Amino acid sequence: PVSVPIAWDELDDPELRSDRWNVGDVFELLKSTS
């Protein structure tokens, strides 16, 4: 899993977990969000 900074409003996301992003998908996250 990869440590990813999030915005305050993302804290309410029910899918938020410490292992939500990993080395296989974190780059896709960065392409889709700022």
ModelCIF file with pLDDT and N, C-alpha, C, O atoms, coordinates in Angstrom:
data_MODEL
#
_entry.id   MODEL 
#
_entity.id                         1 
_entity.type                       polymer 
_entity.pdbx_number_of_molecules   1 
#
_entity_poly.entity_id                      1 
_entity_poly.type                           'polypeptide(L)' 
_entity_poly.nstd_linkage                   no 
_entity_poly.nstd_monomer                   no 
_entity_poly.pdbx_seq_one_letter_code       PVSVPIAWDELDDPELRSDRWNVGDVFELLKSTS 
_entity_poly.pdbx_seq_one_letter_code_can   PVSVPIAWDELDDPELRSDRWNVGDVFELLKSTS 
_entity_poly.pdbx_strand_id                 A 
#
loop_
_entity_poly_seq.entity_id 
_entity_poly_seq.num 
_entity_poly_seq.mon_id 
_entity_poly_seq.hetero 
1 1  PRO n 
1 2  VAL n 
1 3  SER n 
1 4  VAL n 
1 5  PRO n 
1 6  ILE n 
1 7  ALA n 
1 8  TRP n 
1 9  ASP n 
1 10 GLU n 
1 11 LEU n 
1 12 ASP n 
1 13 ASP n 
1 14 PRO n 
1 15 GLU n 
1 16 LEU n 
1 17 ARG n 
1 18 SER n 
1 19 ASP n 
1 20 ARG n 
1 21 TRP n 
1 22 ASN n 
1 23 VAL n 
1 24 GLY n 
1 25 ASP n 
1 26 VAL n 
1 27 PHE n 
1 28 GLU n 
1 29 LEU n 
1 30 LEU n 
1 31 LYS n 
1 32 SER n 
1 33 THR n 
1 34 SER n 
#
_struct_asym.id          A 
_struct_asym.entity_id   1 
#
loop_
_ma_qa_metric.id 
_ma_qa_metric.mode 
_ma_qa_metric.name 
_ma_qa_metric.software_group_id 
_ma_qa_metric.type 
1 global pLDDT . pLDDT 
2 local  pLDDT . pLDDT 
#
_ma_qa_metric_global.metric_id      1 
_ma_qa_metric_global.metric_value   87.88 
_ma_qa_metric_global.model_id       1 
_ma_qa_metric_global.ordinal_id     1 
#
loop_
_ma_qa_metric_local.label_asym_id 
_ma_qa_metric_local.label_comp_id 
_ma_qa_metric_local.label_seq_id 
_ma_qa_metric_local.metric_id 
_ma_qa_metric_local.metric_value 
_ma_qa_metric_local.model_id 
_ma_qa_metric_local.ordinal_id 
A PRO 1  2 92.00 1 1  
A VAL 2  2 92.00 1 2  
A SER 3  2 89.00 1 3  
A VAL 4  2 88.00 1 4  
A PRO 5  2 86.00 1 5  
A ILE 6  2 84.00 1 6  
A ALA 7  2 82.00 1 7  
A TRP 8  2 86.00 1 8  
A ASP 9  2 87.00 1 9  
A GLU 10 2 86.00 1 10 
A LEU 11 2 89.00 1 11 
A ASP 12 2 92.00 1 12 
A ASP 13 2 91.00 1 13 
A PRO 14 2 91.00 1 14 
A GLU 15 2 85.00 1 15 
A LEU 16 2 88.00 1 16 
A ARG 17 2 88.00 1 17 
A SER 18 2 84.00 1 18 
A ASP 19 2 89.00 1 19 
A ARG 20 2 89.00 1 20 
A TRP 21 2 91.00 1 21 
A ASN 22 2 93.00 1 22 
A VAL 23 2 94.00 1 23 
A GLY 24 2 94.00 1 24 
A ASP 25 2 91.00 1 25 
A VAL 26 2 90.00 1 26 
A PHE 27 2 89.00 1 27 
A GLU 28 2 89.00 1 28 
A LEU 29 2 86.00 1 29 
A LEU 30 2 84.00 1 30 
A LYS 31 2 85.00 1 31 
A SER 32 2 85.00 1 32 
A THR 33 2 82.00 1 33 
A SER 34 2 77.00 1 34 
#
loop_
_atom_site.group_PDB 
_atom_site.id 
_atom_site.type_symbol 
_atom_site.label_atom_id 
_atom_site.label_alt_id 
_atom_site.label_comp_id 
_atom_site.label_asym_id 
_atom_site.label_entity_id 
_atom_site.label_seq_id 
_atom_site.pdbx_PDB_ins_code 
_atom_site.Cartn_x 
_atom_site.Cartn_y 
_atom_site.Cartn_z 
_atom_site.occupancy 
_atom_site.B_iso_or_equiv 
_atom_site.pdbx_formal_charge 
_atom_site.auth_seq_id 
_atom_site.auth_comp_id 
_atom_site.auth_asym_id 
_atom_site.auth_atom_id 
_atom_site.pdbx_PDB_model_num 
ATOM 1   N N  . PRO A 1 1  ? 0.827   -1.203 0.000   1.00 92.00 ? 1  PRO A N  1 
ATOM 2   C CA . PRO A 1 1  ? 0.000   0.000  0.000   1.00 92.00 ? 1  PRO A CA 1 
ATOM 3   C C  . PRO A 1 1  ? 0.863   1.256  0.000   1.00 92.00 ? 1  PRO A C  1 
ATOM 4   O O  . PRO A 1 1  ? 1.993   1.251  0.488   1.00 92.00 ? 1  PRO A O  1 
ATOM 5   N N  . VAL A 1 2  ? 0.306   2.338  -0.559  1.00 92.00 ? 2  VAL A N  1 
ATOM 6   C CA . VAL A 1 2  ? 1.024   3.606  -0.688  1.00 92.00 ? 2  VAL A CA 1 
ATOM 7   C C  . VAL A 1 2  ? 0.305   4.670  0.136   1.00 92.00 ? 2  VAL A C  1 
ATOM 8   O O  . VAL A 1 2  ? -0.921  4.773  0.103   1.00 92.00 ? 2  VAL A O  1 
ATOM 9   N N  . SER A 1 3  ? 1.078   5.452  0.869   1.00 89.00 ? 3  SER A N  1 
ATOM 10  C CA . SER A 1 3  ? 0.545   6.572  1.631   1.00 89.00 ? 3  SER A CA 1 
ATOM 11  C C  . SER A 1 3  ? 0.172   7.684  0.650   1.00 89.00 ? 3  SER A C  1 
ATOM 12  O O  . SER A 1 3  ? 1.018   8.151  -0.112  1.00 89.00 ? 3  SER A O  1 
ATOM 13  N N  . VAL A 1 4  ? -1.088  8.106  0.668   1.00 88.00 ? 4  VAL A N  1 
ATOM 14  C CA . VAL A 1 4  ? -1.573  9.107  -0.281  1.00 88.00 ? 4  VAL A CA 1 
ATOM 15  C C  . VAL A 1 4  ? -2.227  10.257 0.485   1.00 88.00 ? 4  VAL A C  1 
ATOM 16  O O  . VAL A 1 4  ? -3.119  10.015 1.299   1.00 88.00 ? 4  VAL A O  1 
ATOM 17  N N  . PRO A 1 5  ? -1.804  11.508 0.243   1.00 86.00 ? 5  PRO A N  1 
ATOM 18  C CA . PRO A 1 5  ? -2.473  12.644 0.887   1.00 86.00 ? 5  PRO A CA 1 
ATOM 19  C C  . PRO A 1 5  ? -3.883  12.792 0.312   1.00 86.00 ? 5  PRO A C  1 
ATOM 20  O O  . PRO A 1 5  ? -4.105  12.583 -0.881  1.00 86.00 ? 5  PRO A O  1 
ATOM 21  N N  . ILE A 1 6  ? -4.819  13.152 1.172   1.00 84.00 ? 6  ILE A N  1 
ATOM 22  C CA . ILE A 1 6  ? -6.203  13.318 0.733   1.00 84.00 ? 6  ILE A CA 1 
ATOM 23  C C  . ILE A 1 6  ? -6.740  14.668 1.213   1.00 84.00 ? 6  ILE A C  1 
ATOM 24  O O  . ILE A 1 6  ? -6.155  15.315 2.082   1.00 84.00 ? 6  ILE A O  1 
ATOM 25  N N  . ALA A 1 7  ? -7.852  15.070 0.632   1.00 82.00 ? 7  ALA A N  1 
ATOM 26  C CA . ALA A 1 7  ? -8.519  16.304 1.027   1.00 82.00 ? 7  ALA A CA 1 
ATOM 27  C C  . ALA A 1 7  ? -9.452  16.020 2.204   1.00 82.00 ? 7  ALA A C  1 
ATOM 28  O O  . ALA A 1 7  ? -9.843  14.875 2.431   1.00 82.00 ? 7  ALA A O  1 
ATOM 29  N N  . TRP A 1 8  ? -9.807  17.068 2.949   1.00 86.00 ? 8  TRP A N  1 
ATOM 30  C CA . TRP A 1 8  ? -10.663 16.895 4.121   1.00 86.00 ? 8  TRP A CA 1 
ATOM 31  C C  . TRP A 1 8  ? -11.972 16.203 3.780   1.00 86.00 ? 8  TRP A C  1 
ATOM 32  O O  . TRP A 1 8  ? -12.432 15.353 4.542   1.00 86.00 ? 8  TRP A O  1 
ATOM 33  N N  . ASP A 1 9  ? -12.586 16.552 2.643   1.00 87.00 ? 9  ASP A N  1 
ATOM 34  C CA . ASP A 1 9  ? -13.882 15.964 2.307   1.00 87.00 ? 9  ASP A CA 1 
ATOM 35  C C  . ASP A 1 9  ? -13.790 14.477 1.982   1.00 87.00 ? 9  ASP A C  1 
ATOM 36  O O  . ASP A 1 9  ? -14.805 13.781 1.998   1.00 87.00 ? 9  ASP A O  1 
ATOM 37  N N  . GLU A 1 10 ? -12.601 13.983 1.691   1.00 86.00 ? 10 GLU A N  1 
ATOM 38  C CA . GLU A 1 10 ? -12.431 12.563 1.412   1.00 86.00 ? 10 GLU A CA 1 
ATOM 39  C C  . GLU A 1 10 ? -12.465 11.705 2.675   1.00 86.00 ? 10 GLU A C  1 
ATOM 40  O O  . GLU A 1 10 ? -12.580 10.483 2.586   1.00 86.00 ? 10 GLU A O  1 
ATOM 41  N N  . LEU A 1 11 ? -12.369 12.323 3.834   1.00 89.00 ? 11 LEU A N  1 
ATOM 42  C CA . LEU A 1 11 ? -12.414 11.567 5.087   1.00 89.00 ? 11 LEU A CA 1 
ATOM 43  C C  . LEU A 1 11 ? -13.765 10.901 5.309   1.00 89.00 ? 11 LEU A C  1 
ATOM 44  O O  . LEU A 1 11 ? -13.858 9.932  6.063   1.00 89.00 ? 11 LEU A O  1 
ATOM 45  N N  . ASP A 1 12 ? -14.821 11.408 4.660   1.00 92.00 ? 12 ASP A N  1 
ATOM 46  C CA . ASP A 1 12 ? -16.158 10.833 4.790   1.00 92.00 ? 12 ASP A CA 1 
ATOM 47  C C  . ASP A 1 12 ? -16.407 9.662  3.851   1.00 92.00 ? 12 ASP A C  1 
ATOM 48  O O  . ASP A 1 12 ? -17.468 9.041  3.920   1.00 92.00 ? 12 ASP A O  1 
ATOM 49  N N  . ASP A 1 13 ? -15.467 9.347  2.986   1.00 91.00 ? 13 ASP A N  1 
ATOM 50  C CA . ASP A 1 13 ? -15.623 8.271  2.013   1.00 91.00 ? 13 ASP A CA 1 
ATOM 51  C C  . ASP A 1 13 ? -15.668 6.919  2.737   1.00 91.00 ? 13 ASP A C  1 
ATOM 52  O O  . ASP A 1 13 ? -14.707 6.564  3.420   1.00 91.00 ? 13 ASP A O  1 
ATOM 53  N N  . PRO A 1 14 ? -16.762 6.159  2.602   1.00 91.00 ? 14 PRO A N  1 
ATOM 54  C CA . PRO A 1 14 ? -16.860 4.868  3.297   1.00 91.00 ? 14 PRO A CA 1 
ATOM 55  C C  . PRO A 1 14 ? -15.859 3.828  2.797   1.00 91.00 ? 14 PRO A C  1 
ATOM 56  O O  . PRO A 1 14 ? -15.608 2.837  3.482   1.00 91.00 ? 14 PRO A O  1 
ATOM 57  N N  . GLU A 1 15 ? -15.282 4.041  1.608   1.00 85.00 ? 15 GLU A N  1 
ATOM 58  C CA . GLU A 1 15 ? -14.298 3.105  1.070   1.00 85.00 ? 15 GLU A CA 1 
ATOM 59  C C  . GLU A 1 15 ? -12.866 3.463  1.467   1.00 85.00 ? 15 GLU A C  1 
ATOM 60  O O  . GLU A 1 15 ? -11.925 2.775  1.071   1.00 85.00 ? 15 GLU A O  1 
ATOM 61  N N  . LEU A 1 16 ? -12.695 4.527  2.241   1.00 88.00 ? 16 LEU A N  1 
ATOM 62  C CA . LEU A 1 16 ? -11.358 4.956  2.641   1.00 88.00 ? 16 LEU A CA 1 
ATOM 63  C C  . LEU A 1 16 ? -10.747 3.946  3.612   1.00 88.00 ? 16 LEU A C  1 
ATOM 64  O O  . LEU A 1 16 ? -11.317 3.633  4.657   1.00 88.00 ? 16 LEU A O  1 
ATOM 65  N N  . ARG A 1 17 ? -9.573  3.450  3.236   1.00 88.00 ? 17 ARG A N  1 
ATOM 66  C CA . ARG A 1 17 ? -8.814  2.502  4.063   1.00 88.00 ? 17 ARG A CA 1 
ATOM 67  C C  . ARG A 1 17 ? -7.336  2.843  3.910   1.00 88.00 ? 17 ARG A C  1 
ATOM 68  O O  . ARG A 1 17 ? -6.943  3.488  2.938   1.00 88.00 ? 17 ARG A O  1 
ATOM 69  N N  . SER A 1 18 ? -6.531  2.417  4.852   1.00 84.00 ? 18 SER A N  1 
ATOM 70  C CA . SER A 1 18 ? -5.096  2.712  4.779   1.00 84.00 ? 18 SER A CA 1 
ATOM 71  C C  . SER A 1 18 ? -4.413  1.965  3.636   1.00 84.00 ? 18 SER A C  1 
ATOM 72  O O  . SER A 1 18 ? -3.320  2.341  3.213   1.00 84.00 ? 18 SER A O  1 
ATOM 73  N N  . ASP A 1 19 ? -5.054  0.909  3.136   1.00 89.00 ? 19 ASP A N  1 
ATOM 74  C CA . ASP A 1 19 ? -4.472  0.146  2.020   1.00 89.00 ? 19 ASP A CA 1 
ATOM 75  C C  . ASP A 1 19 ? -5.251  0.323  0.719   1.00 89.00 ? 19 ASP A C  1 
ATOM 76  O O  . ASP A 1 19 ? -5.177  -0.519 -0.176  1.00 89.00 ? 19 ASP A O  1 
ATOM 77  N N  . ARG A 1 20 ? -6.000  1.425  0.618   1.00 89.00 ? 20 ARG A N  1 
ATOM 78  C CA . ARG A 1 20 ? -6.844  1.650  -0.560  1.00 89.00 ? 20 ARG A CA 1 
ATOM 79  C C  . ARG A 1 20 ? -6.036  1.755  -1.853  1.00 89.00 ? 20 ARG A C  1 
ATOM 80  O O  . ARG A 1 20 ? -6.455  1.239  -2.889  1.00 89.00 ? 20 ARG A O  1 
ATOM 81  N N  . TRP A 1 21 ? -4.879  2.421  -1.797  1.00 91.00 ? 21 TRP A N  1 
ATOM 82  C CA . TRP A 1 21 ? -4.030  2.572  -2.982  1.00 91.00 ? 21 TRP A CA 1 
ATOM 83  C C  . TRP A 1 21 ? -2.741  1.795  -2.779  1.00 91.00 ? 21 TRP A C  1 
ATOM 84  O O  . TRP A 1 21 ? -2.233  1.700  -1.661  1.00 91.00 ? 21 TRP A O  1 
ATOM 85  N N  . ASN A 1 22 ? -2.219  1.242  -3.856  1.00 93.00 ? 22 ASN A N  1 
ATOM 86  C CA . ASN A 1 22 ? -0.971  0.493  -3.771  1.00 93.00 ? 22 ASN A CA 1 
ATOM 87  C C  . ASN A 1 22 ? -0.078  0.861  -4.954  1.00 93.00 ? 22 ASN A C  1 
ATOM 88  O O  . ASN A 1 22 ? -0.442  1.696  -5.782  1.00 93.00 ? 22 ASN A O  1 
ATOM 89  N N  . VAL A 1 23 ? 1.096   0.227  -5.025  1.00 94.00 ? 23 VAL A N  1 
ATOM 90  C CA . VAL A 1 23 ? 2.041   0.579  -6.085  1.00 94.00 ? 23 VAL A CA 1 
ATOM 91  C C  . VAL A 1 23 ? 1.493   0.276  -7.475  1.00 94.00 ? 23 VAL A C  1 
ATOM 92  O O  . VAL A 1 23 ? 1.996   0.810  -8.464  1.00 94.00 ? 23 VAL A O  1 
ATOM 93  N N  . GLY A 1 24 ? 0.479   -0.565 -7.566  1.00 94.00 ? 24 GLY A N  1 
ATOM 94  C CA . GLY A 1 24 ? -0.100  -0.901 -8.858  1.00 94.00 ? 24 GLY A CA 1 
ATOM 95  C C  . GLY A 1 24 ? -1.129  0.083  -9.363  1.00 94.00 ? 24 GLY A C  1 
ATOM 96  O O  . GLY A 1 24 ? -1.382  0.137  -10.567 1.00 94.00 ? 24 GLY A O  1 
ATOM 97  N N  . ASP A 1 25 ? -1.741  0.877  -8.470  1.00 91.00 ? 25 ASP A N  1 
ATOM 98  C CA . ASP A 1 25 ? -2.802  1.780  -8.932  1.00 91.00 ? 25 ASP A CA 1 
ATOM 99  C C  . ASP A 1 25 ? -2.639  3.244  -8.521  1.00 91.00 ? 25 ASP A C  1 
ATOM 100 O O  . ASP A 1 25 ? -3.468  4.073  -8.896  1.00 91.00 ? 25 ASP A O  1 
ATOM 101 N N  . VAL A 1 26 ? -1.616  3.577  -7.777  1.00 90.00 ? 26 VAL A N  1 
ATOM 102 C CA . VAL A 1 26 ? -1.468  4.960  -7.323  1.00 90.00 ? 26 VAL A CA 1 
ATOM 103 C C  . VAL A 1 26 ? -1.214  5.925  -8.486  1.00 90.00 ? 26 VAL A C  1 
ATOM 104 O O  . VAL A 1 26 ? -1.610  7.088  -8.413  1.00 90.00 ? 26 VAL A O  1 
ATOM 105 N N  . PHE A 1 27 ? -0.563  5.463  -9.551  1.00 89.00 ? 27 PHE A N  1 
ATOM 106 C CA . PHE A 1 27 ? -0.317  6.357  -10.693 1.00 89.00 ? 27 PHE A CA 1 
ATOM 107 C C  . PHE A 1 27 ? -1.607  6.659  -11.450 1.00 89.00 ? 27 PHE A C  1 
ATOM 108 O O  . PHE A 1 27 ? -1.761  7.751  -11.997 1.00 89.00 ? 27 PHE A O  1 
ATOM 109 N N  . GLU A 1 28 ? -2.522  5.714  -11.485 1.00 89.00 ? 28 GLU A N  1 
ATOM 110 C CA . GLU A 1 28 ? -3.836  5.972  -12.088 1.00 89.00 ? 28 GLU A CA 1 
ATOM 111 C C  . GLU A 1 28 ? -4.592  7.013  -11.260 1.00 89.00 ? 28 GLU A C  1 
ATOM 112 O O  . GLU A 1 28 ? -5.274  7.877  -11.812 1.00 89.00 ? 28 GLU A O  1 
ATOM 113 N N  . LEU A 1 29 ? -4.469  6.925  -9.940  1.00 86.00 ? 29 LEU A N  1 
ATOM 114 C CA . LEU A 1 29 ? -5.100  7.912  -9.066  1.00 86.00 ? 29 LEU A CA 1 
ATOM 115 C C  . LEU A 1 29 ? -4.575  9.309  -9.384  1.00 86.00 ? 29 LEU A C  1 
ATOM 116 O O  . LEU A 1 29 ? -5.353  10.257 -9.493  1.00 86.00 ? 29 LEU A O  1 
ATOM 117 N N  . LEU A 1 30 ? -3.257  9.438  -9.532  1.00 84.00 ? 30 LEU A N  1 
ATOM 118 C CA . LEU A 1 30 ? -2.663  10.748 -9.807  1.00 84.00 ? 30 LEU A CA 1 
ATOM 119 C C  . LEU A 1 30 ? -3.060  11.289 -11.175 1.00 84.00 ? 30 LEU A C  1 
ATOM 120 O O  . LEU A 1 30 ? -3.107  12.505 -11.363 1.00 84.00 ? 30 LEU A O  1 
ATOM 121 N N  . LYS A 1 31 ? -3.346  10.414 -12.131 1.00 85.00 ? 31 LYS A N  1 
ATOM 122 C CA . LYS A 1 31 ? -3.810  10.871 -13.452 1.00 85.00 ? 31 LYS A CA 1 
ATOM 123 C C  . LYS A 1 31 ? -5.237  11.391 -13.384 1.00 85.00 ? 31 LYS A C  1 
ATOM 124 O O  . LYS A 1 31 ? -5.615  12.275 -14.153 1.00 85.00 ? 31 LYS A O  1 
ATOM 125 N N  . SER A 1 32 ? -6.038  10.842 -12.459 1.00 85.00 ? 32 SER A N  1 
ATOM 126 C CA . SER A 1 32 ? -7.460  11.190 -12.413 1.00 85.00 ? 32 SER A CA 1 
ATOM 127 C C  . SER A 1 32 ? -7.784  12.288 -11.402 1.00 85.00 ? 32 SER A C  1 
ATOM 128 O O  . SER A 1 32 ? -8.888  12.832 -11.437 1.00 85.00 ? 32 SER A O  1 
ATOM 129 N N  . THR A 1 33 ? -6.875  12.625 -10.520 1.00 82.00 ? 33 THR A N  1 
ATOM 130 C CA . THR A 1 33 ? -7.116  13.674 -9.528  1.00 82.00 ? 33 THR A CA 1 
ATOM 131 C C  . THR A 1 33 ? -5.925  14.618 -9.484  1.00 82.00 ? 33 THR A C  1 
ATOM 132 O O  . THR A 1 33 ? -4.860  14.323 -10.025 1.00 82.00 ? 33 THR A O  1 
ATOM 133 N N  . SER A 1 34 ? -6.119  15.738 -8.840  1.00 77.00 ? 34 SER A N  1 
ATOM 134 C CA . SER A 1 34 ? -4.996  16.662 -8.690  1.00 77.00 ? 34 SER A CA 1 
ATOM 135 C C  . SER A 1 34 ? -4.232  16.310 -7.411  1.00 77.00 ? 34 SER A C  1 
ATOM 136 O O  . SER A 1 34 ? -3.241  16.964 -7.084  1.00 77.00 ? 34 SER A O  1 
#
